PDB file of N, CA and C in Angstrom:
ATOM      1  N   UNK A   1     122.319  89.471  75.740  1.00  0.00           N
ATOM      2  CA  UNK A   1     120.895  89.474  75.450  1.00  0.00           C
ATOM      3  C   UNK A   1     120.341  90.869  75.699  1.00  0.00           C
ATOM      4  N   UNK A   2     119.379  91.258  74.900  1.00  0.00           N
ATOM      5  CA  UNK A   2     118.727  92.558  75.030  1.00  0.00           C
ATOM      6  C   UNK A   2     117.360  92.366  75.692  1.00  0.00           C
ATOM      7  N   UNK A   3     117.075  93.195  76.676  1.00  0.00           N
ATOM      8  CA  UNK A   3     115.818  93.095  77.408  1.00  0.00           C
ATOM      9  C   UNK A   3     114.945  94.311  77.133  1.00  0.00           C
ATOM     10  N   UNK A   4     113.652  94.131  77.275  1.00  0.00           N
ATOM     11  CA  UNK A   4     112.682  95.196  77.021  1.00  0.00           C
ATOM     12  C   UNK A   4     112.683  96.227  78.160  1.00  0.00           C
ATOM     13  N   UNK A   5     112.558  97.501  77.779  1.00  0.00           N
ATOM     14  CA  UNK A   5     112.491  98.608  78.737  1.00  0.00           C
ATOM     15  C   UNK A   5     111.038  98.937  79.053  1.00  0.00           C
ATOM     16  N   UNK A   6     110.756  99.100  80.338  1.00  0.00           N
ATOM     17  CA  UNK A   6     109.422  99.494  80.796  1.00  0.00           C
ATOM     18  C   UNK A   6     109.452 100.981  81.142  1.00  0.00           C
ATOM     19  N   UNK A   7     108.424 101.715  80.736  1.00  0.00           N
ATOM     20  CA  UNK A   7     108.348 103.148  81.014  1.00  0.00           C
ATOM     21  C   UNK A   7     107.192 103.428  81.974  1.00  0.00           C
ATOM     22  N   UNK A   8     107.501 104.210  83.015  1.00  0.00           N
ATOM     23  CA  UNK A   8     106.543 104.536  84.067  1.00  0.00           C
ATOM     24  C   UNK A   8     106.488 106.055  84.210  1.00  0.00           C
ATOM     25  N   UNK A   9     105.313 106.632  84.004  1.00  0.00           N
ATOM     26  CA  UNK A   9     105.150 108.082  84.124  1.00  0.00           C
ATOM     27  C   UNK A   9     104.899 108.452  85.579  1.00  0.00           C
ATOM     28  N   UNK A  10     105.494 109.575  85.983  1.00  0.00           N
ATOM     29  CA  UNK A  10     105.381 110.010  87.375  1.00  0.00           C
ATOM     30  C   UNK A  10     105.480 111.526  87.416  1.00  0.00           C
ATOM     31  N   UNK A  11     104.765 112.154  88.336  1.00  0.00           N
ATOM     32  CA  UNK A  11     104.875 113.604  88.527  1.00  0.00           C
ATOM     33  C   UNK A  11     105.397 113.864  89.932  1.00  0.00           C
ATOM     34  N   UNK A  12     106.399 114.725  90.025  1.00  0.00           N
ATOM     35  CA  UNK A  12     106.974 115.065  91.318  1.00  0.00           C
ATOM     36  C   UNK A  12     105.976 115.936  92.085  1.00  0.00           C
ATOM     37  N   UNK A  13     105.544 115.437  93.231  1.00  0.00           N
ATOM     38  CA  UNK A  13     104.597 116.159  94.092  1.00  0.00           C
ATOM     39  C   UNK A  13     105.359 116.904  95.181  1.00  0.00           C
ATOM     40  N   UNK A  14     104.673 117.831  95.814  1.00  0.00           N
ATOM     41  CA  UNK A  14     105.288 118.586  96.910  1.00  0.00           C
ATOM     42  C   UNK A  14     105.827 117.631  97.982  1.00  0.00           C
ATOM     43  N   UNK A  15     105.113 116.544  98.247  1.00  0.00           N
ATOM     44  CA  UNK A  15     105.530 115.573  99.263  1.00  0.00           C
ATOM     45  C   UNK A  15     106.840 114.872  98.907  1.00  0.00           C
ATOM     46  N   UNK A  16     107.234 114.929  97.634  1.00  0.00           N
ATOM     47  CA  UNK A  16     108.479 114.303  97.189  1.00  0.00           C
ATOM     48  C   UNK A  16     109.687 115.224  97.348  1.00  0.00           C
ATOM     49  N   UNK A  17     109.457 116.470  97.768  1.00  0.00           N
ATOM     50  CA  UNK A  17     110.525 117.466  97.743  1.00  0.00           C
ATOM     51  C   UNK A  17     110.947 117.923  99.132  1.00  0.00           C
ATOM     52  N   UNK A  18     112.102 118.583  99.160  1.00  0.00           N
ATOM     53  CA  UNK A  18     112.574 119.203 100.396  1.00  0.00           C
ATOM     54  C   UNK A  18     112.011 120.626 100.481  1.00  0.00           C
ATOM     55  N   UNK A  19     112.456 121.406 101.431  1.00  0.00           N
ATOM     56  CA  UNK A  19     111.928 122.765 101.627  1.00  0.00           C
ATOM     57  C   UNK A  19     112.189 123.671 100.427  1.00  0.00           C
ATOM     58  N   UNK A  20     113.176 123.339  99.600  1.00  0.00           N
ATOM     59  CA  UNK A  20     113.502 124.149  98.436  1.00  0.00           C
ATOM     60  C   UNK A  20     112.756 123.735  97.173  1.00  0.00           C
ATOM     61  N   UNK A  21     111.886 122.721  97.273  1.00  0.00           N
ATOM     62  CA  UNK A  21     111.129 122.268  96.107  1.00  0.00           C
ATOM     63  C   UNK A  21     111.893 121.314  95.206  1.00  0.00           C
ATOM     64  N   UNK A  22     113.025 120.806  95.686  1.00  0.00           N
ATOM     65  CA  UNK A  22     113.837 119.844  94.929  1.00  0.00           C
ATOM     66  C   UNK A  22     113.532 118.443  95.451  1.00  0.00           C
ATOM     67  N   UNK A  23     113.384 117.481  94.528  1.00  0.00           N
ATOM     68  CA  UNK A  23     113.086 116.104  94.932  1.00  0.00           C
ATOM     69  C   UNK A  23     114.143 115.610  95.919  1.00  0.00           C
ATOM     70  N   UNK A  24     113.685 115.153  97.065  1.00  0.00           N
ATOM     71  CA  UNK A  24     114.543 114.661  98.143  1.00  0.00           C
ATOM     72  C   UNK A  24     115.208 113.364  97.697  1.00  0.00           C
ATOM     73  N   UNK A  25     116.493 113.215  97.973  1.00  0.00           N
ATOM     74  CA  UNK A  25     117.262 112.086  97.455  1.00  0.00           C
ATOM     75  C   UNK A  25     116.662 110.716  97.808  1.00  0.00           C
ATOM     76  N   UNK A  26     116.146 110.563  98.996  1.00  0.00           N
ATOM     77  CA  UNK A  26     115.597 109.269  99.413  1.00  0.00           C
ATOM     78  C   UNK A  26     114.308 108.919  98.677  1.00  0.00           C
ATOM     79  N   UNK A  27     113.583 109.914  98.175  1.00  0.00           N
ATOM     80  CA  UNK A  27     112.331 109.647  97.458  1.00  0.00           C
ATOM     81  C   UNK A  27     112.583 108.935  96.130  1.00  0.00           C
ATOM     82  N   UNK A  28     113.796 109.055  95.585  1.00  0.00           N
ATOM     83  CA  UNK A  28     114.113 108.354  94.339  1.00  0.00           C
ATOM     84  C   UNK A  28     113.977 106.845  94.530  1.00  0.00           C
ATOM     85  N   UNK A  29     114.320 106.351  95.713  1.00  0.00           N
ATOM     86  CA  UNK A  29     114.193 104.917  95.991  1.00  0.00           C
ATOM     87  C   UNK A  29     112.724 104.510  95.941  1.00  0.00           C
ATOM     88  N   UNK A  30     111.852 105.314  96.542  1.00  0.00           N
ATOM     89  CA  UNK A  30     110.418 105.015  96.513  1.00  0.00           C
ATOM     90  C   UNK A  30     109.857 105.095  95.091  1.00  0.00           C
ATOM     91  N   UNK A  31     110.256 106.134  94.345  1.00  0.00           N
ATOM     92  CA  UNK A  31     109.782 106.260  92.957  1.00  0.00           C
ATOM     93  C   UNK A  31     110.231 105.065  92.124  1.00  0.00           C
ATOM     94  N   UNK A  32     111.484 104.649  92.319  1.00  0.00           N
ATOM     95  CA  UNK A  32     112.016 103.498  91.586  1.00  0.00           C
ATOM     96  C   UNK A  32     111.248 102.225  91.936  1.00  0.00           C
ATOM     97  N   UNK A  33     110.916 102.070  93.211  1.00  0.00           N
ATOM     98  CA  UNK A  33     110.148 100.897  93.651  1.00  0.00           C
ATOM     99  C   UNK A  33     108.774 100.865  92.985  1.00  0.00           C
ATOM    100  N   UNK A  34     108.105 102.005  92.911  1.00  0.00           N
ATOM    101  CA  UNK A  34     106.798 102.062  92.247  1.00  0.00           C
ATOM    102  C   UNK A  34     106.916 101.657  90.780  1.00  0.00           C
ATOM    103  N   UNK A  35     107.971 102.130  90.121  1.00  0.00           N
ATOM    104  CA  UNK A  35     108.191 101.783  88.715  1.00  0.00           C
ATOM    105  C   UNK A  35     108.469 100.290  88.563  1.00  0.00           C
ATOM    106  N   UNK A  36     109.274  99.715  89.474  1.00  0.00           N
ATOM    107  CA  UNK A  36     109.558  98.268  89.406  1.00  0.00           C
ATOM    108  C   UNK A  36     108.308  97.452  89.699  1.00  0.00           C
ATOM    109  N   UNK A  37     107.470  97.905  90.612  1.00  0.00           N
ATOM    110  CA  UNK A  37     106.222  97.186  90.900  1.00  0.00           C
ATOM    111  C   UNK A  37     105.300  97.188  89.684  1.00  0.00           C
ATOM    112  N   UNK A  38     105.206  98.318  89.009  1.00  0.00           N
ATOM    113  CA  UNK A  38     104.391  98.406  87.800  1.00  0.00           C
ATOM    114  C   UNK A  38     104.955  97.490  86.714  1.00  0.00           C
ATOM    115  N   UNK A  39     106.266  97.491  86.562  1.00  0.00           N
ATOM    116  CA  UNK A  39     106.953  96.678  85.556  1.00  0.00           C
ATOM    117  C   UNK A  39     106.766  95.179  85.829  1.00  0.00           C
ATOM    118  N   UNK A  40     106.807  94.772  87.091  1.00  0.00           N
ATOM    119  CA  UNK A  40     106.782  93.345  87.427  1.00  0.00           C
ATOM    120  C   UNK A  40     105.382  92.794  87.690  1.00  0.00           C
ATOM    121  N   UNK A  41     104.365  93.567  87.361  1.00  0.00           N
ATOM    122  CA  UNK A  41     102.977  93.155  87.635  1.00  0.00           C
ATOM    123  C   UNK A  41     102.612  91.766  87.116  1.00  0.00           C
ATOM    124  N   UNK A  42     103.170  91.349  85.994  1.00  0.00           N
ATOM    125  CA  UNK A  42     102.787  90.080  85.379  1.00  0.00           C
ATOM    126  C   UNK A  42     103.510  88.858  85.898  1.00  0.00           C
ATOM    127  N   UNK A  43     104.442  89.029  86.835  1.00  0.00           N
ATOM    128  CA  UNK A  43     105.189  87.871  87.342  1.00  0.00           C
ATOM    129  C   UNK A  43     104.297  87.043  88.256  1.00  0.00           C
ATOM    130  N   UNK A  44     104.282  85.747  88.018  1.00  0.00           N
ATOM    131  CA  UNK A  44     103.530  84.803  88.854  1.00  0.00           C
ATOM    132  C   UNK A  44     104.551  83.987  89.656  1.00  0.00           C
ATOM    133  N   UNK A  45     104.555  84.193  90.966  1.00  0.00           N
ATOM    134  CA  UNK A  45     105.507  83.511  91.832  1.00  0.00           C
ATOM    135  C   UNK A  45     104.949  82.167  92.297  1.00  0.00           C
ATOM    136  N   UNK A  46     105.794  81.129  92.329  1.00  0.00           N
ATOM    137  CA  UNK A  46     105.345  79.860  92.911  1.00  0.00           C
ATOM    138  C   UNK A  46     104.955  80.071  94.372  1.00  0.00           C
ATOM    139  N   UNK A  47     104.005  79.283  94.858  1.00  0.00           N
ATOM    140  CA  UNK A  47     103.492  79.441  96.221  1.00  0.00           C
ATOM    141  C   UNK A  47     104.565  79.311  97.297  1.00  0.00           C
ATOM    142  N   UNK A  48     105.599  78.528  97.027  1.00  0.00           N
ATOM    143  CA  UNK A  48     106.602  78.290  98.068  1.00  0.00           C
ATOM    144  C   UNK A  48     107.764  79.287  98.024  1.00  0.00           C
ATOM    145  N   UNK A  49     107.683  80.329  97.207  1.00  0.00           N
ATOM    146  CA  UNK A  49     108.761  81.307  97.088  1.00  0.00           C
ATOM    147  C   UNK A  49     108.307  82.680  97.591  1.00  0.00           C
ATOM    148  N   UNK A  50     109.249  83.455  98.116  1.00  0.00           N
ATOM    149  CA  UNK A  50     108.950  84.823  98.532  1.00  0.00           C
ATOM    150  C   UNK A  50     109.017  85.783  97.359  1.00  0.00           C
ATOM    151  N   UNK A  51     109.955  85.558  96.454  1.00  0.00           N
ATOM    152  CA  UNK A  51     110.129  86.437  95.307  1.00  0.00           C
ATOM    153  C   UNK A  51     111.390  87.269  95.430  1.00  0.00           C
ATOM    154  N   UNK A  52     111.380  88.451  94.828  1.00  0.00           N
ATOM    155  CA  UNK A  52     112.573  89.285  94.752  1.00  0.00           C
ATOM    156  C   UNK A  52     112.663  90.291  95.893  1.00  0.00           C
ATOM    157  N   UNK A  53     113.891  90.513  96.359  1.00  0.00           N
ATOM    158  CA  UNK A  53     114.191  91.557  97.331  1.00  0.00           C
ATOM    159  C   UNK A  53     115.412  92.324  96.831  1.00  0.00           C
ATOM    160  N   UNK A  54     115.496  93.591  97.197  1.00  0.00           N
ATOM    161  CA  UNK A  54     116.645  94.396  96.802  1.00  0.00           C
ATOM    162  C   UNK A  54     117.860  93.950  97.600  1.00  0.00           C
ATOM    163  N   UNK A  55     118.931  93.646  96.893  1.00  0.00           N
ATOM    164  CA  UNK A  55     120.184  93.227  97.530  1.00  0.00           C
ATOM    165  C   UNK A  55     121.198  94.361  97.547  1.00  0.00           C
ATOM    166  N   UNK A  56     121.223  95.132  96.461  1.00  0.00           N
ATOM    167  CA  UNK A  56     122.186  96.226  96.345  1.00  0.00           C
ATOM    168  C   UNK A  56     121.567  97.341  95.519  1.00  0.00           C
ATOM    169  N   UNK A  57     121.935  98.579  95.845  1.00  0.00           N
ATOM    170  CA  UNK A  57     121.387  99.733  95.148  1.00  0.00           C
ATOM    171  C   UNK A  57     122.455 100.820  95.072  1.00  0.00           C
ATOM    172  N   UNK A  58     122.579 101.418  93.885  1.00  0.00           N
ATOM    173  CA  UNK A  58     123.522 102.513  93.674  1.00  0.00           C
ATOM    174  C   UNK A  58     122.829 103.558  92.818  1.00  0.00           C
ATOM    175  N   UNK A  59     122.956 104.824  93.183  1.00  0.00           N
ATOM    176  CA  UNK A  59     122.291 105.874  92.406  1.00  0.00           C
ATOM    177  C   UNK A  59     123.241 107.035  92.177  1.00  0.00           C
ATOM    178  N   UNK A  60     123.172 107.577  90.972  1.00  0.00           N
ATOM    179  CA  UNK A  60     123.943 108.762  90.617  1.00  0.00           C
ATOM    180  C   UNK A  60     122.949 109.847  90.223  1.00  0.00           C
ATOM    181  N   UNK A  61     122.998 110.979  90.939  1.00  0.00           N
ATOM    182  CA  UNK A  61     122.125 112.112  90.662  1.00  0.00           C
ATOM    183  C   UNK A  61     122.854 113.077  89.726  1.00  0.00           C
ATOM    184  N   UNK A  62     122.168 113.572  88.684  1.00  0.00           N
ATOM    185  CA  UNK A  62     122.791 114.472  87.719  1.00  0.00           C
ATOM    186  C   UNK A  62     122.116 115.834  87.659  1.00  0.00           C
ATOM    187  N   UNK A  63     120.776 115.818  87.537  1.00  0.00           N
ATOM    188  CA  UNK A  63     120.001 117.046  87.379  1.00  0.00           C
ATOM    189  C   UNK A  63     118.869 117.015  88.399  1.00  0.00           C
ATOM    190  N   UNK A  64     118.715 118.061  89.207  1.00  0.00           N
ATOM    191  CA  UNK A  64     117.636 118.054  90.209  1.00  0.00           C
ATOM    192  C   UNK A  64     116.250 117.963  89.560  1.00  0.00           C
ATOM    193  N   UNK A  65     115.365 117.223  90.210  1.00  0.00           N
ATOM    194  CA  UNK A  65     113.958 117.195  89.824  1.00  0.00           C
ATOM    195  C   UNK A  65     113.215 118.157  90.742  1.00  0.00           C
ATOM    196  N   UNK A  66     112.256 118.866  90.167  1.00  0.00           N
ATOM    197  CA  UNK A  66     111.541 119.908  90.907  1.00  0.00           C
ATOM    198  C   UNK A  66     110.062 119.570  91.033  1.00  0.00           C
ATOM    199  N   UNK A  67     109.415 120.140  92.045  1.00  0.00           N
ATOM    200  CA  UNK A  67     107.984 119.930  92.238  1.00  0.00           C
ATOM    201  C   UNK A  67     107.259 120.276  90.928  1.00  0.00           C
ATOM    202  N   UNK A  68     106.348 119.402  90.527  1.00  0.00           N
ATOM    203  CA  UNK A  68     105.584 119.607  89.299  1.00  0.00           C
ATOM    204  C   UNK A  68     106.197 118.980  88.061  1.00  0.00           C
ATOM    205  N   UNK A  69     107.450 118.536  88.137  1.00  0.00           N
ATOM    206  CA  UNK A  69     108.087 117.920  86.973  1.00  0.00           C
ATOM    207  C   UNK A  69     107.384 116.624  86.591  1.00  0.00           C
ATOM    208  N   UNK A  70     107.127 116.463  85.307  1.00  0.00           N
ATOM    209  CA  UNK A  70     106.650 115.192  84.772  1.00  0.00           C
ATOM    210  C   UNK A  70     107.871 114.408  84.327  1.00  0.00           C
ATOM    211  N   UNK A  71     107.998 113.196  84.841  1.00  0.00           N
ATOM    212  CA  UNK A  71     109.159 112.388  84.508  1.00  0.00           C
ATOM    213  C   UNK A  71     108.725 111.023  84.003  1.00  0.00           C
ATOM    214  N   UNK A  72     109.684 110.337  83.418  1.00  0.00           N
ATOM    215  CA  UNK A  72     109.518 108.936  83.036  1.00  0.00           C
ATOM    216  C   UNK A  72     110.646 108.168  83.684  1.00  0.00           C
ATOM    217  N   UNK A  73     110.296 107.068  84.331  1.00  0.00           N
ATOM    218  CA  UNK A  73     111.299 106.181  84.907  1.00  0.00           C
ATOM    219  C   UNK A  73     111.371 104.954  83.998  1.00  0.00           C
ATOM    220  N   UNK A  74     112.516 104.776  83.372  1.00  0.00           N
ATOM    221  CA  UNK A  74     112.726 103.631  82.493  1.00  0.00           C
ATOM    222  C   UNK A  74     113.409 102.520  83.287  1.00  0.00           C
ATOM    223  N   UNK A  75     112.798 101.343  83.277  1.00  0.00           N
ATOM    224  CA  UNK A  75     113.318 100.184  83.990  1.00  0.00           C
ATOM    225  C   UNK A  75     113.733  99.139  82.968  1.00  0.00           C
ATOM    226  N   UNK A  76     115.014  98.752  83.011  1.00  0.00           N
ATOM    227  CA  UNK A  76     115.544  97.789  82.044  1.00  0.00           C
ATOM    228  C   UNK A  76     116.386  96.741  82.766  1.00  0.00           C
ATOM    229  N   UNK A  77     116.057  95.457  82.614  1.00  0.00           N
ATOM    230  CA  UNK A  77     116.959  94.424  83.132  1.00  0.00           C
ATOM    231  C   UNK A  77     118.268  94.491  82.334  1.00  0.00           C
ATOM    232  N   UNK A  78     119.381  94.417  83.019  1.00  0.00           N
ATOM    233  CA  UNK A  78     120.690  94.446  82.376  1.00  0.00           C
ATOM    234  C   UNK A  78     121.231  93.025  82.222  1.00  0.00           C
ATOM    235  N   UNK A  79     121.054  92.222  83.269  1.00  0.00           N
ATOM    236  CA  UNK A  79     121.474  90.820  83.200  1.00  0.00           C
ATOM    237  C   UNK A  79     120.633  89.994  84.165  1.00  0.00           C
ATOM    238  N   UNK A  80     120.410  88.756  83.773  1.00  0.00           N
ATOM    239  CA  UNK A  80     119.650  87.815  84.598  1.00  0.00           C
ATOM    240  C   UNK A  80     120.574  86.659  84.935  1.00  0.00           C
ATOM    241  N   UNK A  81     120.851  86.503  86.231  1.00  0.00           N
ATOM    242  CA  UNK A  81     121.699  85.412  86.684  1.00  0.00           C
ATOM    243  C   UNK A  81     120.863  84.266  87.212  1.00  0.00           C
ATOM    244  N   UNK A  82     121.526  83.316  87.837  1.00  0.00           N
ATOM    245  CA  UNK A  82     120.828  82.139  88.355  1.00  0.00           C
ATOM    246  C   UNK A  82     119.854  82.503  89.469  1.00  0.00           C
ATOM    247  N   UNK A  83     120.252  83.427  90.358  1.00  0.00           N
ATOM    248  CA  UNK A  83     119.414  83.775  91.511  1.00  0.00           C
ATOM    249  C   UNK A  83     119.236  85.278  91.691  1.00  0.00           C
ATOM    250  N   UNK A  84     119.705  86.076  90.713  1.00  0.00           N
ATOM    251  CA  UNK A  84     119.568  87.522  90.853  1.00  0.00           C
ATOM    252  C   UNK A  84     119.413  88.184  89.484  1.00  0.00           C
ATOM    253  N   UNK A  85     118.922  89.419  89.513  1.00  0.00           N
ATOM    254  CA  UNK A  85     118.724  90.210  88.297  1.00  0.00           C
ATOM    255  C   UNK A  85     119.325  91.587  88.560  1.00  0.00           C
ATOM    256  N   UNK A  86     120.102  92.080  87.600  1.00  0.00           N
ATOM    257  CA  UNK A  86     120.626  93.448  87.672  1.00  0.00           C
ATOM    258  C   UNK A  86     119.746  94.322  86.798  1.00  0.00           C
ATOM    259  N   UNK A  87     119.333  95.459  87.361  1.00  0.00           N
ATOM    260  CA  UNK A  87     118.375  96.352  86.713  1.00  0.00           C
ATOM    261  C   UNK A  87     118.962  97.760  86.676  1.00  0.00           C
ATOM    262  N   UNK A  88     118.688  98.463  85.576  1.00  0.00           N
ATOM    263  CA  UNK A  88     119.027  99.882  85.486  1.00  0.00           C
ATOM    264  C   UNK A  88     117.732 100.663  85.413  1.00  0.00           C
ATOM    265  N   UNK A  89     117.649 101.735  86.207  1.00  0.00           N
ATOM    266  CA  UNK A  89     116.489 102.624  86.163  1.00  0.00           C
ATOM    267  C   UNK A  89     116.973 104.040  85.908  1.00  0.00           C
ATOM    268  N   UNK A  90     116.425 104.648  84.852  1.00  0.00           N
ATOM    269  CA  UNK A  90     116.769 106.023  84.494  1.00  0.00           C
ATOM    270  C   UNK A  90     115.582 106.917  84.806  1.00  0.00           C
ATOM    271  N   UNK A  91     115.865 108.062  85.418  1.00  0.00           N
ATOM    272  CA  UNK A  91     114.862 109.077  85.710  1.00  0.00           C
ATOM    273  C   UNK A  91     115.019 110.168  84.653  1.00  0.00           C
ATOM    274  N   UNK A  92     114.037 110.285  83.773  1.00  0.00           N
ATOM    275  CA  UNK A  92     114.139 111.192  82.636  1.00  0.00           C
ATOM    276  C   UNK A  92     113.131 112.328  82.725  1.00  0.00           C
ATOM    277  N   UNK A  93     113.599 113.537  82.441  1.00  0.00           N
ATOM    278  CA  UNK A  93     112.727 114.695  82.320  1.00  0.00           C
ATOM    279  C   UNK A  93     112.993 115.300  80.948  1.00  0.00           C
ATOM    280  N   UNK A  94     111.963 115.277  80.095  1.00  0.00           N
ATOM    281  CA  UNK A  94     112.078 115.788  78.730  1.00  0.00           C
ATOM    282  C   UNK A  94     113.305 115.221  78.014  1.00  0.00           C
ATOM    283  N   UNK A  95     113.566 113.945  78.224  1.00  0.00           N
ATOM    284  CA  UNK A  95     114.672 113.265  77.562  1.00  0.00           C
ATOM    285  C   UNK A  95     116.011 113.372  78.253  1.00  0.00           C
ATOM    286  N   UNK A  96     116.145 114.259  79.228  1.00  0.00           N
ATOM    287  CA  UNK A  96     117.409 114.405  79.969  1.00  0.00           C
ATOM    288  C   UNK A  96     117.453 113.400  81.114  1.00  0.00           C
ATOM    289  N   UNK A  97     118.603 112.767  81.291  1.00  0.00           N
ATOM    290  CA  UNK A  97     118.779 111.827  82.403  1.00  0.00           C
ATOM    291  C   UNK A  97     119.086 112.634  83.666  1.00  0.00           C
ATOM    292  N   UNK A  98     118.172 112.561  84.625  1.00  0.00           N
ATOM    293  CA  UNK A  98     118.330 113.288  85.889  1.00  0.00           C
ATOM    294  C   UNK A  98     118.998 112.430  86.959  1.00  0.00           C
ATOM    295  N   UNK A  99     118.822 111.121  86.856  1.00  0.00           N
ATOM    296  CA  UNK A  99     119.456 110.190  87.783  1.00  0.00           C
ATOM    297  C   UNK A  99     119.445 108.805  87.145  1.00  0.00           C
ATOM    298  N   UNK A 100     120.431 108.016  87.528  1.00  0.00           N
ATOM    299  CA  UNK A 100     120.489 106.612  87.091  1.00  0.00           C
ATOM    300  C   UNK A 100     120.697 105.755  88.331  1.00  0.00           C
ATOM    301  N   UNK A 101     119.882 104.727  88.456  1.00  0.00           N
ATOM    302  CA  UNK A 101     119.964 103.807  89.585  1.00  0.00           C
ATOM    303  C   UNK A 101     120.284 102.415  89.045  1.00  0.00           C
ATOM    304  N   UNK A 102     121.212 101.728  89.716  1.00  0.00           N
ATOM    305  CA  UNK A 102     121.509 100.329  89.417  1.00  0.00           C
ATOM    306  C   UNK A 102     121.133  99.510  90.640  1.00  0.00           C
ATOM    307  N   UNK A 103     120.332  98.485  90.406  1.00  0.00           N
ATOM    308  CA  UNK A 103     119.800  97.670  91.491  1.00  0.00           C
ATOM    309  C   UNK A 103     120.084  96.203  91.188  1.00  0.00           C
ATOM    310  N   UNK A 104     120.436  95.466  92.212  1.00  0.00           N
ATOM    311  CA  UNK A 104     120.492  94.014  92.100  1.00  0.00           C
ATOM    312  C   UNK A 104     119.387  93.474  92.989  1.00  0.00           C
ATOM    313  N   UNK A 105     118.513  92.667  92.392  1.00  0.00           N
ATOM    314  CA  UNK A 105     117.460  92.018  93.176  1.00  0.00           C
ATOM    315  C   UNK A 105     117.773  90.521  93.240  1.00  0.00           C
ATOM    316  N   UNK A 106     117.586  89.941  94.415  1.00  0.00           N
ATOM    317  CA  UNK A 106     117.847  88.520  94.633  1.00  0.00           C
ATOM    318  C   UNK A 106     116.526  87.786  94.773  1.00  0.00           C
ATOM    319  N   UNK A 107     116.494  86.560  94.278  1.00  0.00           N
ATOM    320  CA  UNK A 107     115.296  85.729  94.367  1.00  0.00           C
ATOM    321  C   UNK A 107     115.391  84.848  95.607  1.00  0.00           C
ATOM    322  N   UNK A 108     114.361  84.922  96.470  1.00  0.00           N
ATOM    323  CA  UNK A 108     114.371  84.177  97.731  1.00  0.00           C
ATOM    324  C   UNK A 108     113.256  83.139  97.790  1.00  0.00           C
ATOM    325  N   UNK A 109     113.581  82.017  98.421  1.00  0.00           N
ATOM    326  CA  UNK A 109     112.572  81.017  98.744  1.00  0.00           C
ATOM    327  C   UNK A 109     111.968  81.321 100.100  1.00  0.00           C
ATOM    328  N   UNK A 110     111.037  80.513 100.539  1.00  0.00           N
ATOM    329  CA  UNK A 110     110.382  80.713 101.839  1.00  0.00           C
ATOM    330  C   UNK A 110     111.375  80.660 103.004  1.00  0.00           C
ATOM    331  N   UNK A 111     112.500  79.992 102.796  1.00  0.00           N
ATOM    332  CA  UNK A 111     113.510  79.886 103.852  1.00  0.00           C
ATOM    333  C   UNK A 111     114.366  81.152 103.954  1.00  0.00           C
ATOM    334  N   UNK A 112     114.008  82.190 103.183  1.00  0.00           N
ATOM    335  CA  UNK A 112     114.703  83.483 103.184  1.00  0.00           C
ATOM    336  C   UNK A 112     116.134  83.388 102.646  1.00  0.00           C
ATOM    337  N   UNK A 113     116.404  82.358 101.859  1.00  0.00           N
ATOM    338  CA  UNK A 113     117.723  82.178 101.261  1.00  0.00           C
ATOM    339  C   UNK A 113     117.603  82.284  99.748  1.00  0.00           C
ATOM    340  N   UNK A 114     118.658  82.788  99.094  1.00  0.00           N
ATOM    341  CA  UNK A 114     118.631  82.874  97.630  1.00  0.00           C
ATOM    342  C   UNK A 114     118.440  81.494  97.010  1.00  0.00           C
ATOM    343  N   UNK A 115     117.693  81.477  95.929  1.00  0.00           N
ATOM    344  CA  UNK A 115     117.514  80.234  95.188  1.00  0.00           C
ATOM    345  C   UNK A 115     117.374  80.564  93.709  1.00  0.00           C
ATOM    346  N   UNK A 116     117.445  79.537  92.890  1.00  0.00           N
ATOM    347  CA  UNK A 116     117.376  79.730  91.439  1.00  0.00           C
ATOM    348  C   UNK A 116     116.040  80.364  91.050  1.00  0.00           C
ATOM    349  N   UNK A 117     116.122  81.298  90.113  1.00  0.00           N
ATOM    350  CA  UNK A 117     114.913  81.939  89.587  1.00  0.00           C
ATOM    351  C   UNK A 117     114.205  80.925  88.700  1.00  0.00           C
ATOM    352  N   UNK A 118     112.912  80.661  88.935  1.00  0.00           N
ATOM    353  CA  UNK A 118     112.180  79.710  88.087  1.00  0.00           C
ATOM    354  C   UNK A 118     112.206  80.145  86.616  1.00  0.00           C
ATOM    355  N   UNK A 119     112.264  79.168  85.738  1.00  0.00           N
ATOM    356  CA  UNK A 119     112.343  79.429  84.291  1.00  0.00           C
ATOM    357  C   UNK A 119     111.184  80.298  83.801  1.00  0.00           C
ATOM    358  N   UNK A 120     109.993  80.115  84.364  1.00  0.00           N
ATOM    359  CA  UNK A 120     108.843  80.926  83.944  1.00  0.00           C
ATOM    360  C   UNK A 120     109.073  82.408  84.231  1.00  0.00           C
ATOM    361  N   UNK A 121     109.778  82.699  85.298  1.00  0.00           N
ATOM    362  CA  UNK A 121     110.073  84.092  85.639  1.00  0.00           C
ATOM    363  C   UNK A 121     111.228  84.615  84.787  1.00  0.00           C
ATOM    364  N   UNK A 122     112.220  83.774  84.514  1.00  0.00           N
ATOM    365  CA  UNK A 122     113.325  84.185  83.618  1.00  0.00           C
ATOM    366  C   UNK A 122     112.745  84.597  82.270  1.00  0.00           C
ATOM    367  N   UNK A 123     111.766  83.855  81.768  1.00  0.00           N
ATOM    368  CA  UNK A 123     111.145  84.179  80.474  1.00  0.00           C
ATOM    369  C   UNK A 123     110.432  85.533  80.530  1.00  0.00           C
ATOM    370  N   UNK A 124     109.909  85.927  81.702  1.00  0.00           N
ATOM    371  CA  UNK A 124     109.255  87.223  81.847  1.00  0.00           C
ATOM    372  C   UNK A 124     110.201  88.356  81.476  1.00  0.00           C
ATOM    373  N   UNK A 125     111.467  88.240  81.846  1.00  0.00           N
ATOM    374  CA  UNK A 125     112.439  89.294  81.590  1.00  0.00           C
ATOM    375  C   UNK A 125     112.832  89.383  80.117  1.00  0.00           C
ATOM    376  N   UNK A 126     112.641  88.309  79.380  1.00  0.00           N
ATOM    377  CA  UNK A 126     113.004  88.295  77.957  1.00  0.00           C
ATOM    378  C   UNK A 126     111.946  88.931  77.167  1.00  0.00           C
TER     379      UNK A 126
END
């Protein structure tokens, strides 16, 4: 199945960089989270569920991002399972892939245990 890609515009600020003006590696996680929050804005969670949490994360850095860079973070679901979703996030500067992140998010109930993703939420990803 093919899923829709969400695009999130972001500018690298001085606070995102190390002393050399290069985006600090850990800030990519925060930038990715902001992009996923923007992408998932329309999800309506049942009252008795907690929702999604990050279960696994892997990132490959290719090209440094610098202070002042305008980037686009593309968020695309890769696969939707019974209780988890695999997502790819690309950090793009002028069309060049600067980093790629793969994330698995798990769906949790109030008991803090994985549970089946409600059908209404599965449809959101389609």
